[in-house]
Each structure stands twice: as structure tokens, then as C-alpha cells.
Amino acid sequence: MSINRGRVRWQCRRALLELDLVFTRFLERDFDRLTDDQVADLEELLRCDDYDIWAMVNGSKACEVDRWKEMIGLLRQR
């Protein structure tokens, strides 16, 4: 499976300011260390609506997809 990391990085740019700030920190801190499987999970998560992702990151909505829980944890780090 070939993952286009540049495309995934671009998809991390979000319209919701709070989420965009979270992803900016995440990209600087963690993105380059992700495995291909983790990038694939992130790519899948990024298909969700910004408000759903933000709700999972801020804890107001539970993450119900086990594969995404690691990414949500990384996004929550300050």
C-alpha cells in the first residue's frame, strides 16, 4: 500500500480554526514519525467532518473507531 504523505499533509489543513491549529502542531511534532499504517488511519479520519473530528479531539464525542484512537490521542497532546 502506497500512501501519499504530501496529500495527507495537505488534507490536514482544516477550515475550522481550532482544528487547524491542532493539526499544525501535530504536523510539526508527530507527522514525520508516523508509520504508513498510522498515515492510512489518519487519512481515513480526515474524511470526517471538521466538527466531528473537533468533537473527538476535545472529548465531547467518543471516538468509536478503534483505528483512530491513537491519532486522536496524538492530536490531543499539547
C-alpha atoms as a PDB file:
ATOM      1  CA  MET A   1       0.000   0.000   0.000  1.00  0.00           C
ATOM      2  CA  SER A   2       1.469   3.311  -1.066  1.00  0.00           C
ATOM      3  CA  ILE A   3       0.479   6.368   0.952  1.00  0.00           C
ATOM      4  CA  ASN A   4       0.933   9.839  -0.477  1.00  0.00           C
ATOM      5  CA  ARG A   5       2.156  11.642   2.645  1.00  0.00           C
ATOM      6  CA  GLY A   6       2.141  15.003   0.902  1.00  0.00           C
ATOM      7  CA  ARG A   7      -1.547  14.644   0.075  1.00  0.00           C
ATOM      8  CA  VAL A   8      -2.363  13.593   3.642  1.00  0.00           C
ATOM      9  CA  ARG A   9      -0.368  16.540   4.997  1.00  0.00           C
ATOM     10  CA  TRP A  10      -2.366  18.859   2.717  1.00  0.00           C
ATOM     11  CA  GLN A  11      -5.648  17.304   3.896  1.00  0.00           C
ATOM     12  CA  CYS A  12      -4.698  18.248   7.467  1.00  0.00           C
ATOM     13  CA  ARG A  13      -5.413  21.874   6.562  1.00  0.00           C
ATOM     14  CA  ARG A  14      -8.868  22.425   8.006  1.00  0.00           C
ATOM     15  CA  ALA A  15     -11.471  25.177   7.718  1.00  0.00           C
ATOM     16  CA  LEU A  16     -12.255  25.110  11.442  1.00  0.00           C
ATOM     17  CA  LEU A  17      -9.625  27.352  13.082  1.00  0.00           C
ATOM     18  CA  GLU A  18      -9.343  25.380  16.335  1.00  0.00           C
ATOM     19  CA  LEU A  19      -8.817  22.159  14.423  1.00  0.00           C
ATOM     20  CA  ASP A  20      -6.369  23.770  12.014  1.00  0.00           C
ATOM     21  CA  LEU A  21      -4.257  24.876  14.996  1.00  0.00           C
ATOM     22  CA  VAL A  22      -4.330  21.350  16.445  1.00  0.00           C
ATOM     23  CA  PHE A  23      -3.238  19.855  13.124  1.00  0.00           C
ATOM     24  CA  THR A  24      -0.489  22.470  12.674  1.00  0.00           C
ATOM     25  CA  ARG A  25       1.080  21.411  15.994  1.00  0.00           C
ATOM     26  CA  PHE A  26       0.546  17.743  15.147  1.00  0.00           C
ATOM     27  CA  LEU A  27       2.260  18.093  11.755  1.00  0.00           C
ATOM     28  CA  GLU A  28       5.273  19.830  13.303  1.00  0.00           C
ATOM     29  CA  ARG A  29       5.585  17.400  16.199  1.00  0.00           C
ATOM     30  CA  ASP A  30       4.433  13.952  15.053  1.00  0.00           C
ATOM     31  CA  PHE A  31       3.686  13.597  11.349  1.00  0.00           C
ATOM     32  CA  ASP A  32       7.152  12.677  10.098  1.00  0.00           C
ATOM     33  CA  ARG A  33       7.396   9.837  12.650  1.00  0.00           C
ATOM     34  CA  LEU A  34       4.134   8.134  11.647  1.00  0.00           C
ATOM     35  CA  THR A  35       4.194   4.669  10.121  1.00  0.00           C
ATOM     36  CA  ASP A  36       2.408   4.030   6.831  1.00  0.00           C
ATOM     37  CA  ASP A  37      -0.421   2.309   8.746  1.00  0.00           C
ATOM     38  CA  GLN A  38      -0.812   5.346  11.007  1.00  0.00           C
ATOM     39  CA  VAL A  39      -0.891   7.674   7.999  1.00  0.00           C
ATOM     40  CA  ALA A  40      -3.581   5.457   6.433  1.00  0.00           C
ATOM     41  CA  ASP A  41      -5.630   5.707   9.649  1.00  0.00           C
ATOM     42  CA  LEU A  42      -5.171   9.480   9.653  1.00  0.00           C
ATOM     43  CA  GLU A  43      -6.233   9.704   6.017  1.00  0.00           C
ATOM     44  CA  GLU A  44      -9.416   7.809   6.870  1.00  0.00           C
ATOM     45  CA  LEU A  45     -10.089  10.065   9.888  1.00  0.00           C
ATOM     46  CA  LEU A  46      -9.643  13.160   7.720  1.00  0.00           C
ATOM     47  CA  ARG A  47     -12.669  12.117   5.644  1.00  0.00           C
ATOM     48  CA  CYS A  48     -14.854  13.046   8.625  1.00  0.00           C
ATOM     49  CA  ASP A  49     -16.488  16.422   9.035  1.00  0.00           C
ATOM     50  CA  ASP A  50     -14.350  19.018  10.845  1.00  0.00           C
ATOM     51  CA  TYR A  51     -16.895  19.354  13.654  1.00  0.00           C
ATOM     52  CA  ASP A  52     -16.886  15.582  14.238  1.00  0.00           C
ATOM     53  CA  ILE A  53     -13.073  15.485  14.368  1.00  0.00           C
ATOM     54  CA  TRP A  54     -13.016  18.505  16.692  1.00  0.00           C
ATOM     55  CA  ALA A  55     -15.575  16.857  18.989  1.00  0.00           C
ATOM     56  CA  MET A  56     -13.404  13.726  19.225  1.00  0.00           C
ATOM     57  CA  VAL A  57     -10.267  15.799  19.872  1.00  0.00           C
ATOM     58  CA  ASN A  58     -11.876  17.961  22.571  1.00  0.00           C
ATOM     59  CA  GLY A  59     -13.539  14.947  24.187  1.00  0.00           C
ATOM     60  CA  SER A  60     -17.170  15.981  23.725  1.00  0.00           C
ATOM     61  CA  LYS A  61     -17.708  12.959  21.456  1.00  0.00           C
ATOM     62  CA  ALA A  62     -16.258   9.495  21.913  1.00  0.00           C
ATOM     63  CA  CYS A  63     -14.061   8.097  19.167  1.00  0.00           C
ATOM     64  CA  GLU A  64     -15.885   4.922  18.174  1.00  0.00           C
ATOM     65  CA  VAL A  65     -13.367   3.708  15.574  1.00  0.00           C
ATOM     66  CA  ASP A  66     -10.553   1.830  17.306  1.00  0.00           C
ATOM     67  CA  ARG A  67      -8.050   2.544  14.495  1.00  0.00           C
ATOM     68  CA  TRP A  68      -8.483   6.301  15.007  1.00  0.00           C
ATOM     69  CA  LYS A  69      -7.996   6.352  18.781  1.00  0.00           C
ATOM     70  CA  GLU A  70      -4.206   6.572  18.532  1.00  0.00           C
ATOM     71  CA  MET A  71      -4.467   9.544  16.133  1.00  0.00           C
ATOM     72  CA  ILE A  72      -6.989  11.285  18.372  1.00  0.00           C
ATOM     73  CA  GLY A  73      -4.578  10.789  21.288  1.00  0.00           C
ATOM     74  CA  LEU A  74      -1.739  12.360  19.310  1.00  0.00           C
ATOM     75  CA  LEU A  75      -3.951  15.259  18.257  1.00  0.00           C
ATOM     76  CA  ARG A  76      -4.942  15.885  21.896  1.00  0.00           C
ATOM     77  CA  GLN A  77      -1.332  16.355  23.021  1.00  0.00           C
ATOM     78  CA  ARG A  78      -0.415  19.940  23.687  1.00  0.00           C
END
